[in-house]
Amino acid sequence: MTLAPRMVGALEGAWDMFNLSSLHSLTYLLRTFTQPQPA
């Protein structure tokens, strides 16, 4: 029962990382679509 909070915390951390990475990729795609010229 002592591992449950740690597993929940790890899952929340992984979900936050997934959300951040997906948001970053979405902004990257939006930026590449709005600005077709390579920097």
Protein backbone atom coordinates (compact mmCIF):
# COMPACT_ATOMS: atom_id res chain seq x y z
CA MET A 1 0.00 0.00 0.00
CA THR A 2 3.01 2.29 0.43
CA LEU A 3 3.82 2.06 -3.29
CA ALA A 4 0.41 3.39 -4.37
CA PRO A 5 1.13 7.13 -3.79
CA ARG A 6 4.49 6.80 -5.55
CA MET A 7 2.90 5.09 -8.55
CA VAL A 8 0.21 7.78 -8.72
CA GLY A 9 2.86 10.49 -8.51
CA ALA A 10 4.90 8.81 -11.26
CA LEU A 11 1.83 8.50 -13.47
CA GLU A 12 0.95 12.15 -12.90
CA GLY A 13 4.53 13.16 -13.72
CA ALA A 14 4.51 11.08 -16.91
CA TRP A 15 1.12 12.56 -17.90
CA ASP A 16 2.46 16.09 -17.32
CA MET A 17 5.53 15.31 -19.45
CA PHE A 18 3.27 13.88 -22.18
CA ASN A 19 1.07 16.98 -22.11
CA LEU A 20 4.10 19.28 -22.25
CA SER A 21 5.67 17.34 -25.14
CA SER A 22 2.41 17.22 -27.09
CA LEU A 23 1.84 20.93 -26.50
CA HIS A 24 5.40 21.67 -27.63
CA SER A 25 4.97 19.58 -30.78
CA LEU A 26 1.64 21.28 -31.51
CA THR A 27 3.16 24.75 -31.17
CA TYR A 28 6.10 23.59 -33.33
CA LEU A 29 3.74 22.34 -36.04
CA LEU A 30 1.70 25.53 -35.85
CA ARG A 31 4.88 27.61 -36.09
CA THR A 32 6.14 25.62 -39.09
CA PHE A 33 2.77 25.94 -40.83
CA THR A 34 2.45 29.67 -40.16
CA GLN A 35 6.09 30.36 -41.06
CA PRO A 36 7.08 28.07 -43.96
CA GLN A 37 10.56 29.63 -44.28
CA PRO A 38 13.25 27.75 -42.33
CA ALA A 39 14.93 29.85 -39.65
